[in-house]
Protein backbone atom coordinates (compact mmCIF):
# COMPACT_ATOMS: atom_id res chain seq x y z
CA UNK A 1 -0.02 0.03 0.04
CA UNK A 2 2.91 2.36 0.80
CA UNK A 3 4.71 1.55 -2.54
CA UNK A 4 1.26 2.20 -4.43
CA UNK A 5 0.65 5.67 -2.42
CA UNK A 6 4.40 6.68 -3.25
CA UNK A 7 3.63 5.94 -6.96
CA UNK A 8 0.38 7.73 -7.22
CA UNK A 9 2.23 10.82 -5.43
CA UNK A 10 5.04 10.42 -7.88
CA UNK A 11 2.59 10.32 -11.07
CA UNK A 12 1.01 13.56 -9.67
CA UNK A 13 4.35 15.48 -9.17
CA UNK A 14 5.47 14.39 -12.75
CA UNK A 15 2.33 15.23 -14.32
CA UNK A 16 2.09 18.66 -13.05
CA UNK A 17 5.09 20.04 -14.99
CA UNK A 18 4.28 17.84 -17.83
CA UNK A 19 0.73 19.05 -18.44
CA UNK A 20 1.91 22.68 -17.85
CA UNK A 21 4.51 22.45 -20.66
CA UNK A 22 1.67 21.01 -22.83
CA UNK A 23 -0.80 23.75 -22.30
CA UNK A 24 1.88 26.37 -22.24
CA UNK A 25 3.42 25.55 -25.52
CA UNK A 26 0.06 24.38 -27.18
CA UNK A 27 -1.72 27.66 -27.45
CA UNK A 28 1.23 29.73 -29.38
CA UNK A 29 2.12 26.45 -31.26
CA UNK A 30 -1.44 26.12 -32.76
CA UNK A 31 -1.98 29.88 -33.54
CA UNK A 32 0.30 28.99 -36.79
CA UNK A 33 -1.84 25.93 -37.78
CA UNK A 34 -4.13 27.24 -40.79
CA UNK A 35 -7.12 24.98 -40.39
CA UNK A 36 -10.42 25.56 -38.32
CA UNK A 37 -9.79 22.59 -35.91
CA UNK A 38 -6.34 24.17 -35.15
CA UNK A 39 -7.48 27.36 -34.78
CA UNK A 40 -10.52 26.22 -32.51
CA UNK A 41 -8.23 24.42 -30.28
CA UNK A 42 -5.79 27.31 -30.01
CA UNK A 43 -8.76 29.51 -29.06
CA UNK A 44 -9.98 27.11 -26.19
CA UNK A 45 -6.24 26.40 -25.01
CA UNK A 46 -5.18 29.86 -24.60
CA UNK A 47 -8.16 31.18 -22.78
CA UNK A 48 -7.98 32.24 -19.21
CA UNK A 49 -10.51 29.77 -18.03
CA UNK A 50 -8.32 26.97 -19.30
CA UNK A 51 -5.52 27.93 -17.25
CA UNK A 52 -7.59 28.25 -14.20
CA UNK A 53 -9.02 24.75 -15.19
CA UNK A 54 -5.43 23.61 -15.00
CA UNK A 55 -4.79 24.78 -11.73
CA UNK A 56 -8.25 23.36 -10.61
CA UNK A 57 -7.73 20.05 -11.82
CA UNK A 58 -4.45 19.78 -9.88
CA UNK A 59 -6.06 20.75 -6.72
CA UNK A 60 -8.65 17.78 -7.41
CA UNK A 61 -5.69 15.63 -7.76
CA UNK A 62 -3.93 16.69 -4.57
CA UNK A 63 -4.48 14.52 -1.63
CA UNK A 64 -4.13 17.18 0.92
CA UNK A 65 -4.63 21.12 0.77
CA UNK A 66 -0.90 21.70 0.84
CA UNK A 67 -0.17 19.07 -2.12
CA UNK A 68 -3.19 20.81 -4.01
CA UNK A 69 -1.82 24.10 -3.90
CA UNK A 70 1.83 23.02 -4.71
CA UNK A 71 0.72 20.81 -7.68
CA UNK A 72 -1.62 23.66 -8.96
CA UNK A 73 1.14 26.47 -8.54
CA UNK A 74 3.91 24.23 -10.23
CA UNK A 75 1.51 23.58 -13.25
CA UNK A 76 0.71 27.05 -13.62
CA UNK A 77 4.45 28.54 -13.30
CA UNK A 78 5.81 26.06 -15.91
CA UNK A 79 2.84 26.67 -18.14
CA UNK A 80 3.58 30.48 -18.17
CA UNK A 81 7.52 29.66 -18.68
CA UNK A 82 6.99 27.63 -21.68
CA UNK A 83 4.17 29.72 -23.14
CA UNK A 84 6.91 32.51 -23.32
CA UNK A 85 9.53 30.22 -24.30
CA UNK A 86 7.53 29.24 -27.06
CA UNK A 87 6.57 32.92 -28.13
CA UNK A 88 10.16 34.04 -28.29
CA UNK A 89 11.27 31.03 -30.34
CA UNK A 90 8.36 32.13 -32.77
CA UNK A 91 10.11 35.57 -32.90
CA UNK A 92 7.46 37.23 -30.59
CA UNK A 93 9.89 39.32 -28.82
CA UNK A 94 12.24 39.90 -31.80
CA UNK A 95 12.71 43.48 -32.77
CA UNK A 96 15.02 45.85 -34.85
CA UNK A 97 17.92 47.81 -33.61
CA UNK A 98 17.38 51.54 -34.65
CA UNK A 99 21.30 52.14 -33.65
CA UNK A 100 22.77 49.88 -35.92
CA UNK A 101 25.21 51.70 -38.31
CA UNK A 102 24.00 50.54 -41.64
CA UNK A 103 21.05 48.16 -41.91
CA UNK A 104 18.69 47.71 -38.91
CA UNK A 105 19.57 44.43 -37.09
CA UNK A 106 17.03 42.20 -35.51
CA UNK A 107 17.47 40.98 -31.71
CA UNK A 108 15.53 39.65 -28.98
CA UNK A 109 14.24 41.97 -26.62
CA UNK A 110 15.12 39.78 -23.42
CA UNK A 111 13.95 42.52 -21.06
CA UNK A 112 10.48 42.49 -22.55
CA UNK A 113 10.79 38.55 -22.37
CA UNK A 114 11.75 38.19 -18.81
CA UNK A 115 9.52 41.06 -17.67
CA UNK A 116 6.32 39.47 -18.87
CA UNK A 117 7.43 36.13 -17.86
CA UNK A 118 8.40 37.17 -14.54
CA UNK A 119 4.84 39.14 -14.13
CA UNK A 120 2.96 36.11 -15.11
CA UNK A 121 4.96 33.69 -12.88
CA UNK A 122 4.27 36.00 -9.91
CA UNK A 123 0.31 35.96 -10.94
CA UNK A 124 0.65 32.21 -11.07
CA UNK A 125 2.28 31.86 -7.66
CA UNK A 126 -0.60 33.90 -6.26
CA UNK A 127 -3.52 32.26 -8.24
CA UNK A 128 -2.04 28.76 -7.96
CA UNK A 129 -2.45 28.07 -4.38
CA UNK A 130 -5.95 29.61 -4.45
CA UNK A 131 -7.34 27.76 -7.49
CA UNK A 132 -5.77 24.43 -5.98
CA UNK A 133 -7.26 24.81 -2.53
CA UNK A 134 -10.57 25.52 -4.38
CA UNK A 135 -10.36 22.31 -6.41
CA UNK A 136 -9.40 20.41 -3.29
CA UNK A 137 -12.34 21.67 -1.34
CA UNK A 138 -14.68 20.96 -4.40
CA UNK A 139 -14.10 17.21 -3.60
CA UNK A 140 -16.22 17.53 -0.43
CA UNK A 141 -19.65 16.45 -0.57
CA UNK A 142 -22.64 18.61 0.27
CA UNK A 143 -23.93 22.18 -0.61
CA UNK A 144 -20.85 23.82 1.36
CA UNK A 145 -18.53 22.65 -1.64
CA UNK A 146 -20.79 23.86 -4.39
CA UNK A 147 -19.30 27.30 -4.80
CA UNK A 148 -16.12 25.73 -5.32
CA UNK A 149 -17.38 23.52 -8.07
CA UNK A 150 -18.97 26.38 -9.85
CA UNK A 151 -15.74 28.52 -10.16
CA UNK A 152 -14.43 27.19 -13.39
CA UNK A 153 -17.83 27.33 -15.48
CA UNK A 154 -18.40 30.82 -13.86
CA UNK A 155 -14.96 31.96 -14.91
CA UNK A 156 -15.66 30.51 -18.21
CA UNK A 157 -19.01 32.21 -18.75
CA UNK A 158 -18.00 35.64 -17.77
CA UNK A 159 -14.77 35.34 -20.10
CA UNK A 160 -16.67 33.93 -23.20
CA UNK A 161 -19.35 36.39 -22.80
CA UNK A 162 -16.78 39.16 -22.98
CA UNK A 163 -14.81 37.81 -26.01
CA UNK A 164 -18.17 37.06 -27.82
CA UNK A 165 -19.17 40.80 -27.05
CA UNK A 166 -15.87 42.57 -27.70
CA UNK A 167 -13.65 40.17 -29.76
CA UNK A 168 -15.59 37.63 -31.78
CA UNK A 169 -16.35 40.25 -34.69
CA UNK A 170 -12.82 40.61 -35.23
CA UNK A 171 -11.65 36.94 -34.94
CA UNK A 172 -14.36 35.42 -37.39
CA UNK A 173 -16.73 32.57 -37.45
CA UNK A 174 -14.26 29.95 -35.75
CA UNK A 175 -14.03 32.27 -32.67
CA UNK A 176 -17.72 32.73 -32.55
CA UNK A 177 -18.32 29.06 -32.90
CA UNK A 178 -15.47 28.18 -30.36
CA UNK A 179 -16.54 30.69 -27.80
CA UNK A 180 -20.14 30.08 -27.98
CA UNK A 181 -19.64 26.37 -27.62
CA UNK A 182 -17.46 26.94 -24.51
CA UNK A 183 -20.09 29.42 -23.05
CA UNK A 184 -22.91 27.09 -23.72
CA UNK A 185 -21.15 24.11 -22.06
CA UNK A 186 -20.32 26.19 -19.07
CA UNK A 187 -23.79 27.33 -18.64
CA UNK A 188 -25.04 23.53 -18.79
CA UNK A 189 -22.22 22.70 -16.37
CA UNK A 190 -23.42 25.30 -13.88
CA UNK A 191 -26.91 24.10 -14.40
CA UNK A 192 -25.99 20.59 -13.87
CA UNK A 193 -23.90 21.05 -10.69
CA UNK A 194 -26.38 23.35 -8.81
CA UNK A 195 -29.20 20.73 -9.77
CA UNK A 196 -26.93 17.74 -8.71
CA UNK A 197 -26.21 19.50 -5.45
CA UNK A 198 -29.72 20.59 -4.84
CA UNK A 199 -31.00 16.91 -5.32
CA UNK A 200 -28.40 15.37 -3.18
CA UNK A 201 -29.29 17.75 -0.51
CA UNK A 202 -32.96 17.07 -0.52
CA UNK A 203 -32.32 13.28 -0.91
CA UNK A 204 -30.17 13.55 2.20
CA UNK A 205 -32.77 15.64 4.03
CA UNK A 206 -35.55 13.09 3.19
CA UNK A 207 -33.43 10.00 4.59
CA UNK A 208 -33.02 12.08 8.02
CA UNK A 209 -36.73 12.75 8.17
CA UNK A 210 -37.40 8.88 7.43
CA UNK A 211 -35.07 8.03 10.14
CA UNK A 212 -36.62 10.22 12.78
């Protein structure tokens, strides 16, 4: 049993940075894919709600509050680092040196790269423990854990609603369909989670009344 527990913990520890690498790199890589499916996946993976869901999922995976907070934070920090590493490899931070004597010379603005990476790593260190703890608390039965279960669907609803309102007209049909599908799924998930919690609460109350 001890061996199995350590293997399970080791798997979770390894999974956090590995999944973080995939999520961090996938969004920038897919932006160059010239097909609707790739573009849709890019839009989904690059959303703030999906990064929040990443931390939340590792919060659920953690066996303790501390482990959930650590796993969520590691996953987010690694995702941020590889997001910007992928960006810099694609020339995102490449600019021209205006002080070159003849032809302007392209160079990587490492200051901008490090500044943005540092800023979002700090944000990940602040939000990771919160989302990880929320994921851990969402596993508890009963109505008290319902607000934690609703965090990711509500984040998705708020973000997708705003993107559809302000950005979709500039992004095209794929963005409309992708963000609309995510919004609809989040609304359905919210209703389902609330309904399930209410049903379980009433069933528990009925059982208590019968026993009394």
